[in-house]
């Protein structure tokens, strides 16, 4: 049995769908407030719990062979990105889990002190590596599905809004491809005890994204590009009223300020190991929101 955390998130939902398409037994860890009806209809074993509670993690890990940790942090990086994953790893050890797949983030090893999420994921990586479990750590760049709302707004208005330096590069990954790789990591011997940077086949500048949108919807882009300093000013103002919210914006600030892309060698290693041809951002968006 597979245990998938974050099963109603954009990545977790795709992992559960693909596992059920292959008729694999999967336990989907979900919150009561989430929309999990589709996963239940697909035959997933729904486990309602809260990753902040160790007792729920203990129950969820019973009789599990593989764990895929794909949940996000929301606004609580310490409880979810860090503590929940540490508890999952401990239970994986106790239950003799055969393989643990951890979804980290590209650039996690660069020491971005402003981001609690980056720091938490790096510490979890270290803990997992030293745990004695068989593992695969995947460090994806930005998820392609996160651009779907921007693409839909562009389709309706022609407006593209992006903060900061438009020359910054990224390797936005097809979320469907990432789900495939996460599942395959449990079975492929050469993926065992390895770390993979995961991105799409193209290194894109931020300014390339509205050009893709323009091709998809055959309309000119109206680009709104406020400087990063404006974000910093707003964040400082928020900090006077809500210091905790100010801290939680550190991860967003990190993502806005830096480049996150994979080299061609890293993509080649990924495609060779998992026998996959990584999908481009344009192809992904064309499938979901593009005009034929």
C-alpha atoms as a PDB file:
ATOM      1  CA  UNK A   1       0.000   0.000   0.000  1.00  0.00           C
ATOM      2  CA  UNK A   2       1.068   3.567  -0.780  1.00  0.00           C
ATOM      3  CA  UNK A   3       0.493   6.392   1.683  1.00  0.00           C
ATOM      4  CA  UNK A   4       0.233   9.805   0.019  1.00  0.00           C
ATOM      5  CA  UNK A   5       0.195  12.899   2.202  1.00  0.00           C
ATOM      6  CA  UNK A   6      -1.213  16.119   0.823  1.00  0.00           C
ATOM      7  CA  UNK A   7      -3.491  13.923  -1.269  1.00  0.00           C
ATOM      8  CA  UNK A   8      -5.907  16.712  -2.209  1.00  0.00           C
ATOM      9  CA  UNK A   9      -3.155  19.129  -3.211  1.00  0.00           C
ATOM     10  CA  UNK A  10      -2.222  19.757  -6.835  1.00  0.00           C
ATOM     11  CA  UNK A  11       0.583  17.170  -6.774  1.00  0.00           C
ATOM     12  CA  UNK A  12      -0.865  14.681  -4.296  1.00  0.00           C
ATOM     13  CA  UNK A  13      -4.147  14.456  -6.184  1.00  0.00           C
ATOM     14  CA  UNK A  14      -2.286  13.608  -9.372  1.00  0.00           C
ATOM     15  CA  UNK A  15      -0.216  10.964  -7.571  1.00  0.00           C
ATOM     16  CA  UNK A  16      -3.341   9.300  -6.182  1.00  0.00           C
ATOM     17  CA  UNK A  17      -5.066   9.407  -9.569  1.00  0.00           C
ATOM     18  CA  UNK A  18      -2.118   7.813 -11.325  1.00  0.00           C
ATOM     19  CA  UNK A  19      -1.759   5.117  -8.677  1.00  0.00           C
ATOM     20  CA  UNK A  20      -5.439   4.250  -8.937  1.00  0.00           C
ATOM     21  CA  UNK A  21      -5.206   4.236 -12.755  1.00  0.00           C
ATOM     22  CA  UNK A  22      -2.611   1.483 -12.230  1.00  0.00           C
ATOM     23  CA  UNK A  23      -4.951  -0.249  -9.751  1.00  0.00           C
ATOM     24  CA  UNK A  24      -2.518   0.255  -6.891  1.00  0.00           C
ATOM     25  CA  UNK A  25      -3.776   0.309  -3.311  1.00  0.00           C
ATOM     26  CA  UNK A  26      -3.360   3.830  -1.970  1.00  0.00           C
ATOM     27  CA  UNK A  27      -4.199   5.504   1.312  1.00  0.00           C
ATOM     28  CA  UNK A  28      -4.879   9.195   0.803  1.00  0.00           C
ATOM     29  CA  UNK A  29      -4.140  11.320   3.870  1.00  0.00           C
ATOM     30  CA  UNK A  30      -6.651  14.189   3.792  1.00  0.00           C
ATOM     31  CA  UNK A  31      -8.143  16.802   6.078  1.00  0.00           C
ATOM     32  CA  UNK A  32     -11.855  16.699   6.869  1.00  0.00           C
ATOM     33  CA  UNK A  33     -12.264  20.169   5.359  1.00  0.00           C
ATOM     34  CA  UNK A  34     -10.739  19.175   1.997  1.00  0.00           C
ATOM     35  CA  UNK A  35     -12.543  17.966  -1.094  1.00  0.00           C
ATOM     36  CA  UNK A  36     -11.689  14.293  -1.335  1.00  0.00           C
ATOM     37  CA  UNK A  37     -14.820  12.856  -2.976  1.00  0.00           C
ATOM     38  CA  UNK A  38     -13.124  12.373  -6.342  1.00  0.00           C
ATOM     39  CA  UNK A  39     -10.302  10.360  -4.772  1.00  0.00           C
ATOM     40  CA  UNK A  40     -12.788   8.208  -2.887  1.00  0.00           C
ATOM     41  CA  UNK A  41     -14.724   7.626  -6.113  1.00  0.00           C
ATOM     42  CA  UNK A  42     -11.494   6.434  -7.732  1.00  0.00           C
ATOM     43  CA  UNK A  43     -11.132   3.793  -5.041  1.00  0.00           C
ATOM     44  CA  UNK A  44      -8.541   5.435  -2.805  1.00  0.00           C
ATOM     45  CA  UNK A  45      -8.582   4.520   0.876  1.00  0.00           C
ATOM     46  CA  UNK A  46      -9.408   7.847   2.530  1.00  0.00           C
ATOM     47  CA  UNK A  47      -7.659   8.549   5.823  1.00  0.00           C
ATOM     48  CA  UNK A  48      -8.983  11.675   7.524  1.00  0.00           C
ATOM     49  CA  UNK A  49      -6.431  13.161   9.843  1.00  0.00           C
ATOM     50  CA  UNK A  50      -4.205  16.079  10.718  1.00  0.00           C
ATOM     51  CA  UNK A  51      -0.462  15.916  10.085  1.00  0.00           C
ATOM     52  CA  UNK A  52       0.084  18.106  13.132  1.00  0.00           C
ATOM     53  CA  UNK A  53      -0.925  15.167  15.342  1.00  0.00           C
ATOM     54  CA  UNK A  54       1.531  12.315  15.694  1.00  0.00           C
ATOM     55  CA  UNK A  55      -1.276   9.901  16.635  1.00  0.00           C
ATOM     56  CA  UNK A  56      -2.841  10.423  13.198  1.00  0.00           C
ATOM     57  CA  UNK A  57       0.493   9.787  11.490  1.00  0.00           C
ATOM     58  CA  UNK A  58       0.963   6.584  13.508  1.00  0.00           C
ATOM     59  CA  UNK A  59      -2.432   5.289  12.377  1.00  0.00           C
ATOM     60  CA  UNK A  60      -1.930   6.356   8.761  1.00  0.00           C
ATOM     61  CA  UNK A  61       1.396   4.523   8.454  1.00  0.00           C
ATOM     62  CA  UNK A  62       0.027   1.144   9.585  1.00  0.00           C
ATOM     63  CA  UNK A  63       0.497  -1.588   6.927  1.00  0.00           C
ATOM     64  CA  UNK A  64       2.070   0.871   4.484  1.00  0.00           C
ATOM     65  CA  UNK A  65       4.805  -0.227   2.071  1.00  0.00           C
ATOM     66  CA  UNK A  66       5.616   3.094   0.404  1.00  0.00           C
ATOM     67  CA  UNK A  67       5.253   6.685   1.609  1.00  0.00           C
ATOM     68  CA  UNK A  68       5.127   9.686  -0.717  1.00  0.00           C
ATOM     69  CA  UNK A  69       5.268  12.926   1.261  1.00  0.00           C
ATOM     70  CA  UNK A  70       3.767  15.579  -0.993  1.00  0.00           C
ATOM     71  CA  UNK A  71       2.022  17.902   1.458  1.00  0.00           C
ATOM     72  CA  UNK A  72       2.720  21.605   1.701  1.00  0.00           C
ATOM     73  CA  UNK A  73       3.096  23.772   4.768  1.00  0.00           C
ATOM     74  CA  UNK A  74       0.311  26.288   4.464  1.00  0.00           C
ATOM     75  CA  UNK A  75       1.422  28.933   6.948  1.00  0.00           C
ATOM     76  CA  UNK A  76       3.031  26.555   9.458  1.00  0.00           C
ATOM     77  CA  UNK A  77       6.379  25.387   8.123  1.00  0.00           C
ATOM     78  CA  UNK A  78       7.608  24.098  11.472  1.00  0.00           C
ATOM     79  CA  UNK A  79       4.579  21.889  12.106  1.00  0.00           C
ATOM     80  CA  UNK A  80       4.025  20.604   8.574  1.00  0.00           C
ATOM     81  CA  UNK A  81       7.197  20.959   6.503  1.00  0.00           C
ATOM     82  CA  UNK A  82       9.397  19.893   9.397  1.00  0.00           C
ATOM     83  CA  UNK A  83       7.716  18.093  12.315  1.00  0.00           C
ATOM     84  CA  UNK A  84       5.170  16.124  10.295  1.00  0.00           C
ATOM     85  CA  UNK A  85       7.859  14.806   7.960  1.00  0.00           C
ATOM     86  CA  UNK A  86      10.129  13.853  10.846  1.00  0.00           C
ATOM     87  CA  UNK A  87       7.219  11.923  12.396  1.00  0.00           C
ATOM     88  CA  UNK A  88       6.476  10.265   9.051  1.00  0.00           C
ATOM     89  CA  UNK A  89      10.096   9.152   8.739  1.00  0.00           C
ATOM     90  CA  UNK A  90      10.111   7.796  12.287  1.00  0.00           C
ATOM     91  CA  UNK A  91       6.939   5.804  11.617  1.00  0.00           C
ATOM     92  CA  UNK A  92       8.357   4.576   8.315  1.00  0.00           C
ATOM     93  CA  UNK A  93      11.305   3.156  10.247  1.00  0.00           C
ATOM     94  CA  UNK A  94       9.052   1.574  12.884  1.00  0.00           C
ATOM     95  CA  UNK A  95       6.788  -0.008  10.249  1.00  0.00           C
ATOM     96  CA  UNK A  96       9.522  -1.281   7.938  1.00  0.00           C
ATOM     97  CA  UNK A  97       8.470   0.906   5.023  1.00  0.00           C
ATOM     98  CA  UNK A  98      10.372  -0.105   1.877  1.00  0.00           C
ATOM     99  CA  UNK A  99      10.739   3.325   0.277  1.00  0.00           C
ATOM    100  CA  UNK A 100      10.159   6.952   1.274  1.00  0.00           C
ATOM    101  CA  UNK A 101       9.743   9.643  -1.381  1.00  0.00           C
ATOM    102  CA  UNK A 102      10.130  13.202  -0.134  1.00  0.00           C
ATOM    103  CA  UNK A 103       9.082  16.195  -2.223  1.00  0.00           C
ATOM    104  CA  UNK A 104      11.559  18.918  -1.338  1.00  0.00           C
ATOM    105  CA  UNK A 105      12.227  22.086  -3.348  1.00  0.00           C
ATOM    106  CA  UNK A 106      14.844  23.201  -5.845  1.00  0.00           C
ATOM    107  CA  UNK A 107      17.470  25.402  -4.178  1.00  0.00           C
ATOM    108  CA  UNK A 108      16.868  23.979  -0.723  1.00  0.00           C
ATOM    109  CA  UNK A 109      20.600  23.609  -0.168  1.00  0.00           C
ATOM    110  CA  UNK A 110      21.452  27.262  -0.885  1.00  0.00           C
ATOM    111  CA  UNK A 111      20.919  28.547   2.660  1.00  0.00           C
ATOM    112  CA  UNK A 112      17.953  30.880   2.148  1.00  0.00           C
ATOM    113  CA  UNK A 113      17.526  31.995   5.763  1.00  0.00           C
ATOM    114  CA  UNK A 114      14.441  34.108   5.036  1.00  0.00           C
ATOM    115  CA  UNK A 115      12.382  31.024   4.214  1.00  0.00           C
ATOM    116  CA  UNK A 116      11.217  28.720   6.992  1.00  0.00           C
ATOM    117  CA  UNK A 117       9.969  26.273   4.365  1.00  0.00           C
ATOM    118  CA  UNK A 118      13.366  25.961   2.672  1.00  0.00           C
ATOM    119  CA  UNK A 119      15.113  25.509   6.010  1.00  0.00           C
ATOM    120  CA  UNK A 120      12.589  22.910   7.174  1.00  0.00           C
ATOM    121  CA  UNK A 121      12.829  20.864   3.988  1.00  0.00           C
ATOM    122  CA  UNK A 122      16.626  20.888   4.119  1.00  0.00           C
ATOM    123  CA  UNK A 123      16.611  19.574   7.684  1.00  0.00           C
ATOM    124  CA  UNK A 124      14.129  16.856   6.695  1.00  0.00           C
ATOM    125  CA  UNK A 125      16.404  15.854   3.813  1.00  0.00           C
ATOM    126  CA  UNK A 126      19.309  15.438   6.233  1.00  0.00           C
ATOM    127  CA  UNK A 127      17.189  13.411   8.650  1.00  0.00           C
ATOM    128  CA  UNK A 128      15.886  11.152   5.888  1.00  0.00           C
ATOM    129  CA  UNK A 129      19.356  10.524   4.446  1.00  0.00           C
ATOM    130  CA  UNK A 130      20.664   9.477   7.860  1.00  0.00           C
ATOM    131  CA  UNK A 131      17.564   7.417   8.768  1.00  0.00           C
ATOM    132  CA  UNK A 132      18.601   4.154   7.143  1.00  0.00           C
ATOM    133  CA  UNK A 133      15.438   4.111   5.010  1.00  0.00           C
ATOM    134  CA  UNK A 134      15.515   3.661   1.263  1.00  0.00           C
ATOM    135  CA  UNK A 135      14.601   7.087  -0.055  1.00  0.00           C
ATOM    136  CA  UNK A 136      14.315   9.332  -3.068  1.00  0.00           C
ATOM    137  CA  UNK A 137      14.397  13.102  -2.647  1.00  0.00           C
ATOM    138  CA  UNK A 138      12.848  15.146  -5.437  1.00  0.00           C
ATOM    139  CA  UNK A 139      13.621  18.853  -5.657  1.00  0.00           C
ATOM    140  CA  UNK A 140      11.154  20.364  -8.126  1.00  0.00           C
ATOM    141  CA  UNK A 141      11.177  23.830  -9.565  1.00  0.00           C
ATOM    142  CA  UNK A 142       7.854  25.675  -9.845  1.00  0.00           C
ATOM    143  CA  UNK A 143       4.742  23.592 -10.543  1.00  0.00           C
ATOM    144  CA  UNK A 144       3.175  24.188 -13.954  1.00  0.00           C
ATOM    145  CA  UNK A 145      -0.348  23.969 -12.550  1.00  0.00           C
ATOM    146  CA  UNK A 146       0.346  27.121 -10.489  1.00  0.00           C
ATOM    147  CA  UNK A 147       0.314  29.057 -13.764  1.00  0.00           C
ATOM    148  CA  UNK A 148      -3.143  27.852 -14.779  1.00  0.00           C
ATOM    149  CA  UNK A 149      -4.974  30.669 -12.920  1.00  0.00           C
ATOM    150  CA  UNK A 150      -2.594  33.229 -14.455  1.00  0.00           C
ATOM    151  CA  UNK A 151      -3.209  31.754 -17.892  1.00  0.00           C
ATOM    152  CA  UNK A 152      -6.973  31.838 -17.406  1.00  0.00           C
ATOM    153  CA  UNK A 153      -6.839  35.476 -16.318  1.00  0.00           C
ATOM    154  CA  UNK A 154      -4.662  36.286 -19.328  1.00  0.00           C
ATOM    155  CA  UNK A 155      -7.142  34.518 -21.614  1.00  0.00           C
ATOM    156  CA  UNK A 156      -9.909  36.741 -20.279  1.00  0.00           C
ATOM    157  CA  UNK A 157      -8.055  40.051 -19.870  1.00  0.00           C
ATOM    158  CA  UNK A 158      -4.695  39.906 -21.644  1.00  0.00           C
ATOM    159  CA  UNK A 159      -3.046  40.969 -18.377  1.00  0.00           C
ATOM    160  CA  UNK A 160       0.096  39.318 -17.030  1.00  0.00           C
ATOM    161  CA  UNK A 161       1.207  40.332 -13.525  1.00  0.00           C
ATOM    162  CA  UNK A 162       4.684  39.405 -12.315  1.00  0.00           C
ATOM    163  CA  UNK A 163       6.783  40.905  -9.517  1.00  0.00           C
ATOM    164  CA  UNK A 164      10.525  41.405  -9.783  1.00  0.00           C
ATOM    165  CA  UNK A 165      13.272  40.729 -12.311  1.00  0.00           C
ATOM    166  CA  UNK A 166      11.870  39.329 -15.553  1.00  0.00           C
ATOM    167  CA  UNK A 167      15.242  37.948 -16.668  1.00  0.00           C
ATOM    168  CA  UNK A 168      15.288  35.448 -13.784  1.00  0.00           C
ATOM    169  CA  UNK A 169      15.233  31.876 -15.049  1.00  0.00           C
ATOM    170  CA  UNK A 170      13.204  28.845 -14.014  1.00  0.00           C
ATOM    171  CA  UNK A 171      12.537  25.267 -15.124  1.00  0.00           C
ATOM    172  CA  UNK A 172       8.811  24.982 -14.495  1.00  0.00           C
ATOM    173  CA  UNK A 173       7.883  21.310 -14.240  1.00  0.00           C
ATOM    174  CA  UNK A 174       4.753  19.579 -15.475  1.00  0.00           C
ATOM    175  CA  UNK A 175       2.962  18.553 -12.286  1.00  0.00           C
ATOM    176  CA  UNK A 176       1.813  15.405 -14.103  1.00  0.00           C
ATOM    177  CA  UNK A 177       5.434  14.471 -14.845  1.00  0.00           C
ATOM    178  CA  UNK A 178       6.414  15.091 -11.230  1.00  0.00           C
ATOM    179  CA  UNK A 179       3.655  12.728 -10.080  1.00  0.00           C
ATOM    180  CA  UNK A 180       4.909  10.034 -12.461  1.00  0.00           C
ATOM    181  CA  UNK A 181       8.455  10.414 -11.184  1.00  0.00           C
ATOM    182  CA  UNK A 182       7.373  10.297  -7.539  1.00  0.00           C
ATOM    183  CA  UNK A 183       5.581   6.988  -8.121  1.00  0.00           C
ATOM    184  CA  UNK A 184       8.379   5.502 -10.245  1.00  0.00           C
ATOM    185  CA  UNK A 185      10.923   6.392  -7.548  1.00  0.00           C
ATOM    186  CA  UNK A 186       9.515   3.586  -5.398  1.00  0.00           C
ATOM    187  CA  UNK A 187      10.319   0.944  -8.016  1.00  0.00           C
ATOM    188  CA  UNK A 188      13.407   2.029  -9.949  1.00  0.00           C
ATOM    189  CA  UNK A 189      16.613   0.742  -8.395  1.00  0.00           C
ATOM    190  CA  UNK A 190      18.768   3.582  -9.742  1.00  0.00           C
ATOM    191  CA  UNK A 191      16.476   6.103  -8.025  1.00  0.00           C
ATOM    192  CA  UNK A 192      17.117   4.542  -4.628  1.00  0.00           C
ATOM    193  CA  UNK A 193      18.942   6.790  -2.143  1.00  0.00           C
ATOM    194  CA  UNK A 194      19.291   9.574  -4.693  1.00  0.00           C
ATOM    195  CA  UNK A 195      18.461  13.273  -4.910  1.00  0.00           C
ATOM    196  CA  UNK A 196      17.049  14.615  -8.171  1.00  0.00           C
ATOM    197  CA  UNK A 197      16.514  18.203  -9.257  1.00  0.00           C
ATOM    198  CA  UNK A 198      13.260  18.135 -11.214  1.00  0.00           C
ATOM    199  CA  UNK A 199      12.309  20.673 -13.854  1.00  0.00           C
ATOM    200  CA  UNK A 200      10.871  21.039 -17.292  1.00  0.00           C
ATOM    201  CA  UNK A 201      12.994  20.683 -20.436  1.00  0.00           C
ATOM    202  CA  UNK A 202      13.229  24.436 -21.061  1.00  0.00           C
ATOM    203  CA  UNK A 203      15.032  27.105 -19.088  1.00  0.00           C
ATOM    204  CA  UNK A 204      12.566  29.976 -19.201  1.00  0.00           C
ATOM    205  CA  UNK A 205      12.933  33.589 -18.243  1.00  0.00           C
ATOM    206  CA  UNK A 206       9.929  35.070 -16.492  1.00  0.00           C
ATOM    207  CA  UNK A 207       9.382  37.286 -19.500  1.00  0.00           C
ATOM    208  CA  UNK A 208       8.949  34.144 -21.627  1.00  0.00           C
ATOM    209  CA  UNK A 209       5.751  33.188 -19.792  1.00  0.00           C
ATOM    210  CA  UNK A 210       3.510  35.939 -21.231  1.00  0.00           C
ATOM    211  CA  UNK A 211       4.914  35.107 -24.662  1.00  0.00           C
ATOM    212  CA  UNK A 212       3.694  31.535 -24.192  1.00  0.00           C
ATOM    213  CA  UNK A 213       0.317  32.854 -23.087  1.00  0.00           C
ATOM    214  CA  UNK A 214       0.185  35.082 -26.168  1.00  0.00           C
ATOM    215  CA  UNK A 215       0.772  32.095 -28.438  1.00  0.00           C
ATOM    216  CA  UNK A 216      -1.824  30.006 -26.637  1.00  0.00           C
ATOM    217  CA  UNK A 217      -4.571  32.618 -26.782  1.00  0.00           C
ATOM    218  CA  UNK A 218      -3.494  34.664 -29.812  1.00  0.00           C
ATOM    219  CA  UNK A 219      -3.535  38.012 -28.039  1.00  0.00           C
ATOM    220  CA  UNK A 220      -0.999  40.646 -27.034  1.00  0.00           C
ATOM    221  CA  UNK A 221       0.177  40.759 -23.449  1.00  0.00           C
ATOM    222  CA  UNK A 222      -0.379  43.685 -21.106  1.00  0.00           C
ATOM    223  CA  UNK A 223       2.507  43.210 -18.679  1.00  0.00           C
ATOM    224  CA  UNK A 224       2.374  44.643 -15.154  1.00  0.00           C
ATOM    225  CA  UNK A 225       5.779  44.309 -13.521  1.00  0.00           C
ATOM    226  CA  UNK A 226       6.133  46.007 -10.136  1.00  0.00           C
ATOM    227  CA  UNK A 227       9.650  45.963  -8.654  1.00  0.00           C
ATOM    228  CA  UNK A 228      10.581  43.608  -5.851  1.00  0.00           C
ATOM    229  CA  UNK A 229      11.187  46.661  -3.655  1.00  0.00           C
ATOM    230  CA  UNK A 230       7.437  47.328  -3.699  1.00  0.00           C
ATOM    231  CA  UNK A 231       6.824  43.854  -2.289  1.00  0.00           C
ATOM    232  CA  UNK A 232       9.462  44.484   0.369  1.00  0.00           C
ATOM    233  CA  UNK A 233       7.787  47.740   1.357  1.00  0.00           C
ATOM    234  CA  UNK A 234       4.376  46.114   1.641  1.00  0.00           C
ATOM    235  CA  UNK A 235       5.865  43.251   3.619  1.00  0.00           C
ATOM    236  CA  UNK A 236       7.513  45.658   6.053  1.00  0.00           C
ATOM    237  CA  UNK A 237       4.179  47.404   6.553  1.00  0.00           C
ATOM    238  CA  UNK A 238       2.459  44.086   7.209  1.00  0.00           C
ATOM    239  CA  UNK A 239       5.169  43.257   9.716  1.00  0.00           C
ATOM    240  CA  UNK A 240       4.184  46.242  11.861  1.00  0.00           C
ATOM    241  CA  UNK A 241       0.679  44.821  12.202  1.00  0.00           C
ATOM    242  CA  UNK A 242       1.247  41.065  11.911  1.00  0.00           C
ATOM    243  CA  UNK A 243       4.839  39.910  12.524  1.00  0.00           C
ATOM    244  CA  UNK A 244       3.954  36.235  11.962  1.00  0.00           C
ATOM    245  CA  UNK A 245       2.463  36.930   8.532  1.00  0.00           C
ATOM    246  CA  UNK A 246       5.574  38.946   7.701  1.00  0.00           C
ATOM    247  CA  UNK A 247       7.724  35.900   8.500  1.00  0.00           C
ATOM    248  CA  UNK A 248       5.524  33.600   6.449  1.00  0.00           C
ATOM    249  CA  UNK A 249       6.083  35.813   3.399  1.00  0.00           C
ATOM    250  CA  UNK A 250       9.791  34.945   3.508  1.00  0.00           C
ATOM    251  CA  UNK A 251       9.345  31.922   1.257  1.00  0.00           C
ATOM    252  CA  UNK A 252       7.449  33.946  -1.348  1.00  0.00           C
ATOM    253  CA  UNK A 253      10.144  36.612  -1.199  1.00  0.00           C
ATOM    254  CA  UNK A 254      12.823  33.958  -1.723  1.00  0.00           C
ATOM    255  CA  UNK A 255      10.998  32.585  -4.759  1.00  0.00           C
ATOM    256  CA  UNK A 256      10.547  36.045  -6.248  1.00  0.00           C
ATOM    257  CA  UNK A 257      14.153  37.115  -5.725  1.00  0.00           C
ATOM    258  CA  UNK A 258      16.104  34.127  -7.060  1.00  0.00           C
ATOM    259  CA  UNK A 259      16.465  31.801 -10.031  1.00  0.00           C
ATOM    260  CA  UNK A 260      15.339  28.174  -9.851  1.00  0.00           C
ATOM    261  CA  UNK A 261      16.277  26.161 -12.913  1.00  0.00           C
ATOM    262  CA  UNK A 262      17.771  22.788 -13.782  1.00  0.00           C
ATOM    263  CA  UNK A 263      20.765  22.332 -16.041  1.00  0.00           C
ATOM    264  CA  UNK A 264      20.478  20.255 -19.188  1.00  0.00           C
ATOM    265  CA  UNK A 265      22.632  17.580 -17.538  1.00  0.00           C
ATOM    266  CA  UNK A 266      20.192  17.382 -14.641  1.00  0.00           C
ATOM    267  CA  UNK A 267      17.251  17.027 -17.012  1.00  0.00           C
ATOM    268  CA  UNK A 268      19.090  14.365 -19.016  1.00  0.00           C
ATOM    269  CA  UNK A 269      19.789  12.399 -15.820  1.00  0.00           C
ATOM    270  CA  UNK A 270      16.129  12.657 -14.877  1.00  0.00           C
ATOM    271  CA  UNK A 271      14.871  11.509 -18.267  1.00  0.00           C
ATOM    272  CA  UNK A 272      17.376   8.661 -18.413  1.00  0.00           C
ATOM    273  CA  UNK A 273      16.662   7.379 -14.911  1.00  0.00           C
ATOM    274  CA  UNK A 274      12.886   7.489 -15.200  1.00  0.00           C
ATOM    275  CA  UNK A 275      12.555   6.782 -18.936  1.00  0.00           C
ATOM    276  CA  UNK A 276      10.470   9.909 -19.394  1.00  0.00           C
ATOM    277  CA  UNK A 277      10.445  12.827 -21.804  1.00  0.00           C
ATOM    278  CA  UNK A 278       9.778  15.885 -19.686  1.00  0.00           C
ATOM    279  CA  UNK A 279       6.844  17.976 -20.858  1.00  0.00           C
ATOM    280  CA  UNK A 280       7.295  21.659 -21.636  1.00  0.00           C
ATOM    281  CA  UNK A 281       5.294  24.346 -19.877  1.00  0.00           C
ATOM    282  CA  UNK A 282       3.637  25.319 -23.154  1.00  0.00           C
ATOM    283  CA  UNK A 283       2.500  21.737 -23.782  1.00  0.00           C
ATOM    284  CA  UNK A 284       1.139  21.438 -20.233  1.00  0.00           C
ATOM    285  CA  UNK A 285      -0.834  24.671 -20.474  1.00  0.00           C
ATOM    286  CA  UNK A 286      -2.131  23.782 -23.929  1.00  0.00           C
ATOM    287  CA  UNK A 287      -3.580  20.565 -22.517  1.00  0.00           C
ATOM    288  CA  UNK A 288      -5.300  22.323 -19.609  1.00  0.00           C
ATOM    289  CA  UNK A 289      -6.301  25.792 -20.790  1.00  0.00           C
ATOM    290  CA  UNK A 290      -5.015  26.304 -24.341  1.00  0.00           C
ATOM    291  CA  UNK A 291      -6.993  26.879 -27.476  1.00  0.00           C
ATOM    292  CA  UNK A 292      -6.537  24.277 -30.204  1.00  0.00           C
END
